[in-house]
Amino acid sequence: MNIYDYTVKDGAGNDVSMDKYRGKVLLIVNTATKCGFTPQYKGLQSLYQKYQPQGFEILDFPCNQFASQAPGTNEEIANFCDITYKITFGQFSKIDVNGENEDPLYTYLKSQKGGVMGSKIKWNFTKFLVDRKGNVIERFAPTTTPEKIDAKVKALL
């Protein structure tokens, strides 16, 4: 299996094959709208605007598993992100990233880059950088800002 074998749900609940992103550099992020790291949306949008024309995509997966910091429906989360941060990158349906109901994409990502806590996602805004061939290159802690990832994204493009 590789990253392109997975299917995720968009914000409206429709299936989206990860194969759609073949040949792109990806930053996959679990997010929350009521988190201390929520202002990272601004940096993510900046990174997206800077590199999207060169084949870069950000895939945003809201997650309510950490202190219930992503309350609301997919639509409410999307509206908040649009109004507050004007995000234009792909936002998907709310998922679990750990535990019994974790999304299979996250099971795969964690198997590729375990991180400091083993495979478990520590908190919101954990980021996975994927190259154009679908290889998971690096995992970043929630405290790693999008600005600190800029050079790594640029190098993969």
C-alpha atoms as a PDB file:
ATOM      1  CA  MET A   1       0.000   0.000   0.000  1.00  0.00           C
ATOM      2  CA  ASN A   2       1.029   3.590  -0.584  1.00  0.00           C
ATOM      3  CA  ILE A   3      -0.598   6.940   0.061  1.00  0.00           C
ATOM      4  CA  TYR A   4      -2.386   6.879  -3.302  1.00  0.00           C
ATOM      5  CA  ASP A   5      -4.323   3.734  -2.344  1.00  0.00           C
ATOM      6  CA  TYR A   6      -6.403   5.572   0.265  1.00  0.00           C
ATOM      7  CA  THR A   7      -9.735   7.319  -0.049  1.00  0.00           C
ATOM      8  CA  VAL A   8     -10.799  10.166   2.231  1.00  0.00           C
ATOM      9  CA  LYS A   9     -14.011  12.160   2.614  1.00  0.00           C
ATOM     10  CA  ASP A  10     -14.273  15.792   1.598  1.00  0.00           C
ATOM     11  CA  GLY A  11     -16.164  18.287   3.742  1.00  0.00           C
ATOM     12  CA  ALA A  12     -19.448  17.269   2.117  1.00  0.00           C
ATOM     13  CA  GLY A  13     -18.826  13.575   2.805  1.00  0.00           C
ATOM     14  CA  ASN A  14     -17.919  12.630  -0.775  1.00  0.00           C
ATOM     15  CA  ASP A  15     -15.147  10.125  -1.457  1.00  0.00           C
ATOM     16  CA  VAL A  16     -11.869  11.600  -2.698  1.00  0.00           C
ATOM     17  CA  SER A  17      -9.140   9.264  -3.913  1.00  0.00           C
ATOM     18  CA  MET A  18      -5.686  10.266  -2.727  1.00  0.00           C
ATOM     19  CA  ASP A  19      -4.577   9.332  -6.247  1.00  0.00           C
ATOM     20  CA  LYS A  20      -5.945  12.776  -7.196  1.00  0.00           C
ATOM     21  CA  TYR A  21      -2.782  14.177  -5.569  1.00  0.00           C
ATOM     22  CA  ARG A  22      -0.285  11.960  -7.391  1.00  0.00           C
ATOM     23  CA  GLY A  23       2.722  14.020  -8.494  1.00  0.00           C
ATOM     24  CA  LYS A  24       2.085  16.775  -5.926  1.00  0.00           C
ATOM     25  CA  VAL A  25       4.006  17.680  -2.775  1.00  0.00           C
ATOM     26  CA  LEU A  26       1.576  17.359   0.144  1.00  0.00           C
ATOM     27  CA  LEU A  27       1.375  18.715   3.657  1.00  0.00           C
ATOM     28  CA  ILE A  28      -1.239  16.723   5.585  1.00  0.00           C
ATOM     29  CA  VAL A  29      -2.397  18.350   8.831  1.00  0.00           C
ATOM     30  CA  ASN A  30      -4.899  17.470  11.558  1.00  0.00           C
ATOM     31  CA  THR A  31      -6.434  20.749  12.683  1.00  0.00           C
ATOM     32  CA  ALA A  32      -8.799  22.308  15.201  1.00  0.00           C
ATOM     33  CA  THR A  33     -10.571  25.647  15.314  1.00  0.00           C
ATOM     34  CA  LYS A  34     -10.399  26.230  19.091  1.00  0.00           C
ATOM     35  CA  CYS A  35      -6.755  25.318  19.714  1.00  0.00           C
ATOM     36  CA  GLY A  36      -3.784  27.414  20.763  1.00  0.00           C
ATOM     37  CA  PHE A  37      -2.216  26.415  17.429  1.00  0.00           C
ATOM     38  CA  THR A  38      -5.256  27.510  15.361  1.00  0.00           C
ATOM     39  CA  PRO A  39      -3.457  30.717  14.222  1.00  0.00           C
ATOM     40  CA  GLN A  40      -1.190  28.397  12.201  1.00  0.00           C
ATOM     41  CA  TYR A  41      -3.984  28.450   9.612  1.00  0.00           C
ATOM     42  CA  LYS A  42      -2.605  31.854   8.576  1.00  0.00           C
ATOM     43  CA  GLY A  43       0.868  30.402   7.951  1.00  0.00           C
ATOM     44  CA  LEU A  44      -0.585  27.373   6.188  1.00  0.00           C
ATOM     45  CA  GLN A  45      -2.551  29.621   3.827  1.00  0.00           C
ATOM     46  CA  SER A  46       0.570  31.688   3.145  1.00  0.00           C
ATOM     47  CA  LEU A  47       2.591  28.565   2.356  1.00  0.00           C
ATOM     48  CA  TYR A  48      -0.205  27.304   0.107  1.00  0.00           C
ATOM     49  CA  GLN A  49      -0.458  30.560  -1.847  1.00  0.00           C
ATOM     50  CA  LYS A  50       3.310  30.647  -2.285  1.00  0.00           C
ATOM     51  CA  TYR A  51       3.791  27.092  -3.560  1.00  0.00           C
ATOM     52  CA  GLN A  52       0.436  25.849  -4.909  1.00  0.00           C
ATOM     53  CA  PRO A  53       1.252  26.973  -8.485  1.00  0.00           C
ATOM     54  CA  GLN A  54       4.344  24.724  -8.343  1.00  0.00           C
ATOM     55  CA  GLY A  55       2.384  21.606  -7.384  1.00  0.00           C
ATOM     56  CA  PHE A  56       1.915  21.914  -3.612  1.00  0.00           C
ATOM     57  CA  GLU A  57      -1.272  20.950  -1.783  1.00  0.00           C
ATOM     58  CA  ILE A  58      -2.303  21.178   1.860  1.00  0.00           C
ATOM     59  CA  LEU A  59      -4.827  18.613   3.058  1.00  0.00           C
ATOM     60  CA  ASP A  60      -6.632  19.776   6.206  1.00  0.00           C
ATOM     61  CA  PHE A  61      -8.294  17.132   8.377  1.00  0.00           C
ATOM     62  CA  PRO A  62     -10.203  18.650  11.315  1.00  0.00           C
ATOM     63  CA  CYS A  63      -9.995  16.459  14.425  1.00  0.00           C
ATOM     64  CA  ASN A  64     -11.963  16.785  17.659  1.00  0.00           C
ATOM     65  CA  GLN A  65      -9.993  14.165  19.621  1.00  0.00           C
ATOM     66  CA  PHE A  66      -7.821  16.608  21.562  1.00  0.00           C
ATOM     67  CA  ALA A  67      -9.747  18.452  24.288  1.00  0.00           C
ATOM     68  CA  SER A  68     -12.750  18.755  21.924  1.00  0.00           C
ATOM     69  CA  GLN A  69     -11.037  21.662  20.166  1.00  0.00           C
ATOM     70  CA  ALA A  70     -12.742  21.109  16.801  1.00  0.00           C
ATOM     71  CA  PRO A  71     -16.413  21.387  17.745  1.00  0.00           C
ATOM     72  CA  GLY A  72     -19.124  21.864  15.180  1.00  0.00           C
ATOM     73  CA  THR A  73     -20.039  20.349  11.853  1.00  0.00           C
ATOM     74  CA  ASN A  74     -17.790  20.178   8.810  1.00  0.00           C
ATOM     75  CA  GLU A  75     -19.713  23.153   7.414  1.00  0.00           C
ATOM     76  CA  GLU A  76     -19.274  25.219  10.589  1.00  0.00           C
ATOM     77  CA  ILE A  77     -15.542  24.460  10.644  1.00  0.00           C
ATOM     78  CA  ALA A  78     -15.207  25.388   6.948  1.00  0.00           C
ATOM     79  CA  ASN A  79     -17.108  28.646   7.518  1.00  0.00           C
ATOM     80  CA  PHE A  80     -14.869  29.568  10.464  1.00  0.00           C
ATOM     81  CA  CYS A  81     -11.732  28.880   8.410  1.00  0.00           C
ATOM     82  CA  ASP A  82     -13.039  30.852   5.454  1.00  0.00           C
ATOM     83  CA  ILE A  83     -14.158  33.868   7.464  1.00  0.00           C
ATOM     84  CA  THR A  84     -11.230  33.964   9.899  1.00  0.00           C
ATOM     85  CA  TYR A  85      -8.283  32.796   7.781  1.00  0.00           C
ATOM     86  CA  LYS A  86      -9.556  32.838   4.170  1.00  0.00           C
ATOM     87  CA  ILE A  87      -8.163  29.342   3.559  1.00  0.00           C
ATOM     88  CA  THR A  88      -8.308  28.060  -0.005  1.00  0.00           C
ATOM     89  CA  PHE A  89      -6.595  24.668   0.427  1.00  0.00           C
ATOM     90  CA  GLY A  90      -8.443  21.366   0.673  1.00  0.00           C
ATOM     91  CA  GLN A  91     -10.426  20.785   3.852  1.00  0.00           C
ATOM     92  CA  PHE A  92     -11.850  17.352   4.518  1.00  0.00           C
ATOM     93  CA  SER A  93     -14.396  15.774   6.850  1.00  0.00           C
ATOM     94  CA  LYS A  94     -13.618  15.647  10.545  1.00  0.00           C
ATOM     95  CA  ILE A  95     -11.732  12.470  11.454  1.00  0.00           C
ATOM     96  CA  ASP A  96     -10.077  10.610  14.313  1.00  0.00           C
ATOM     97  CA  VAL A  97      -6.297  10.354  14.030  1.00  0.00           C
ATOM     98  CA  ASN A  98      -5.772   7.942  16.936  1.00  0.00           C
ATOM     99  CA  GLY A  99      -7.590   4.958  18.380  1.00  0.00           C
ATOM    100  CA  GLU A 100     -10.245   2.515  17.361  1.00  0.00           C
ATOM    101  CA  ASN A 101     -11.902   4.821  14.804  1.00  0.00           C
ATOM    102  CA  GLU A 102      -8.789   6.436  13.357  1.00  0.00           C
ATOM    103  CA  ASP A 103      -8.863   7.164   9.660  1.00  0.00           C
ATOM    104  CA  PRO A 104      -6.884   4.576   7.636  1.00  0.00           C
ATOM    105  CA  LEU A 105      -4.860   7.367   5.985  1.00  0.00           C
ATOM    106  CA  TYR A 106      -3.554   8.358   9.425  1.00  0.00           C
ATOM    107  CA  THR A 107      -2.791   4.730  10.289  1.00  0.00           C
ATOM    108  CA  TYR A 108      -0.621   4.703   7.174  1.00  0.00           C
ATOM    109  CA  LEU A 109       1.023   8.091   7.830  1.00  0.00           C
ATOM    110  CA  LYS A 110       1.902   7.100  11.398  1.00  0.00           C
ATOM    111  CA  SER A 111       3.338   3.777  10.193  1.00  0.00           C
ATOM    112  CA  GLN A 112       5.695   5.721   7.924  1.00  0.00           C
ATOM    113  CA  LYS A 113       6.818   8.368  10.433  1.00  0.00           C
ATOM    114  CA  GLY A 114       6.216   7.454  14.055  1.00  0.00           C
ATOM    115  CA  GLY A 115       7.330  10.641  15.759  1.00  0.00           C
ATOM    116  CA  VAL A 116       8.513  11.201  19.321  1.00  0.00           C
ATOM    117  CA  MET A 117       5.501   9.505  20.909  1.00  0.00           C
ATOM    118  CA  GLY A 118       5.707   6.439  18.711  1.00  0.00           C
ATOM    119  CA  SER A 119       2.907   6.301  16.239  1.00  0.00           C
ATOM    120  CA  LYS A 120       0.342   8.214  18.300  1.00  0.00           C
ATOM    121  CA  ILE A 121      -0.551  11.750  17.208  1.00  0.00           C
ATOM    122  CA  LYS A 122       0.227  14.019  20.152  1.00  0.00           C
ATOM    123  CA  TRP A 123      -2.063  16.993  19.400  1.00  0.00           C
ATOM    124  CA  ASN A 124      -3.707  19.171  16.779  1.00  0.00           C
ATOM    125  CA  PHE A 125      -1.557  20.574  13.967  1.00  0.00           C
ATOM    126  CA  THR A 126       0.750  17.576  13.619  1.00  0.00           C
ATOM    127  CA  LYS A 127       2.001  17.749  10.025  1.00  0.00           C
ATOM    128  CA  PHE A 128       3.206  15.158   7.516  1.00  0.00           C
ATOM    129  CA  LEU A 129       5.227  16.197   4.452  1.00  0.00           C
ATOM    130  CA  VAL A 130       4.868  13.933   1.416  1.00  0.00           C
ATOM    131  CA  ASP A 131       6.995  14.119  -1.739  1.00  0.00           C
ATOM    132  CA  ARG A 132       5.783  13.940  -5.359  1.00  0.00           C
ATOM    133  CA  LYS A 133       6.224  10.152  -5.389  1.00  0.00           C
ATOM    134  CA  GLY A 134       4.000   9.644  -2.354  1.00  0.00           C
ATOM    135  CA  ASN A 135       6.800   9.047   0.158  1.00  0.00           C
ATOM    136  CA  VAL A 136       6.187  10.384   3.654  1.00  0.00           C
ATOM    137  CA  ILE A 137       9.354  12.451   4.110  1.00  0.00           C
ATOM    138  CA  GLU A 138       8.945  14.017   7.524  1.00  0.00           C
ATOM    139  CA  ARG A 139       6.601  14.444  10.453  1.00  0.00           C
ATOM    140  CA  PHE A 140       6.424  17.765  12.285  1.00  0.00           C
ATOM    141  CA  ALA A 141       5.237  18.426  15.832  1.00  0.00           C
ATOM    142  CA  PRO A 142       2.301  20.779  16.434  1.00  0.00           C
ATOM    143  CA  THR A 143       4.752  23.433  17.647  1.00  0.00           C
ATOM    144  CA  THR A 144       6.523  23.476  14.266  1.00  0.00           C
ATOM    145  CA  THR A 145       5.045  26.436  12.432  1.00  0.00           C
ATOM    146  CA  PRO A 146       4.364  26.443   8.693  1.00  0.00           C
ATOM    147  CA  GLU A 147       7.076  29.088   8.300  1.00  0.00           C
ATOM    148  CA  LYS A 148       9.653  26.615   9.641  1.00  0.00           C
ATOM    149  CA  ILE A 149       8.585  24.064   7.012  1.00  0.00           C
ATOM    150  CA  ASP A 150       8.881  26.483   4.064  1.00  0.00           C
ATOM    151  CA  ALA A 151      12.439  25.499   3.012  1.00  0.00           C
ATOM    152  CA  LYS A 152      11.609  21.781   3.154  1.00  0.00           C
ATOM    153  CA  VAL A 153       8.549  22.271   0.936  1.00  0.00           C
ATOM    154  CA  LYS A 154      10.559  24.377  -1.500  1.00  0.00           C
ATOM    155  CA  ALA A 155      13.287  21.715  -1.694  1.00  0.00           C
ATOM    156  CA  LEU A 156      10.735  19.033  -2.635  1.00  0.00           C
ATOM    157  CA  LEU A 157       9.191  21.169  -5.358  1.00  0.00           C
END
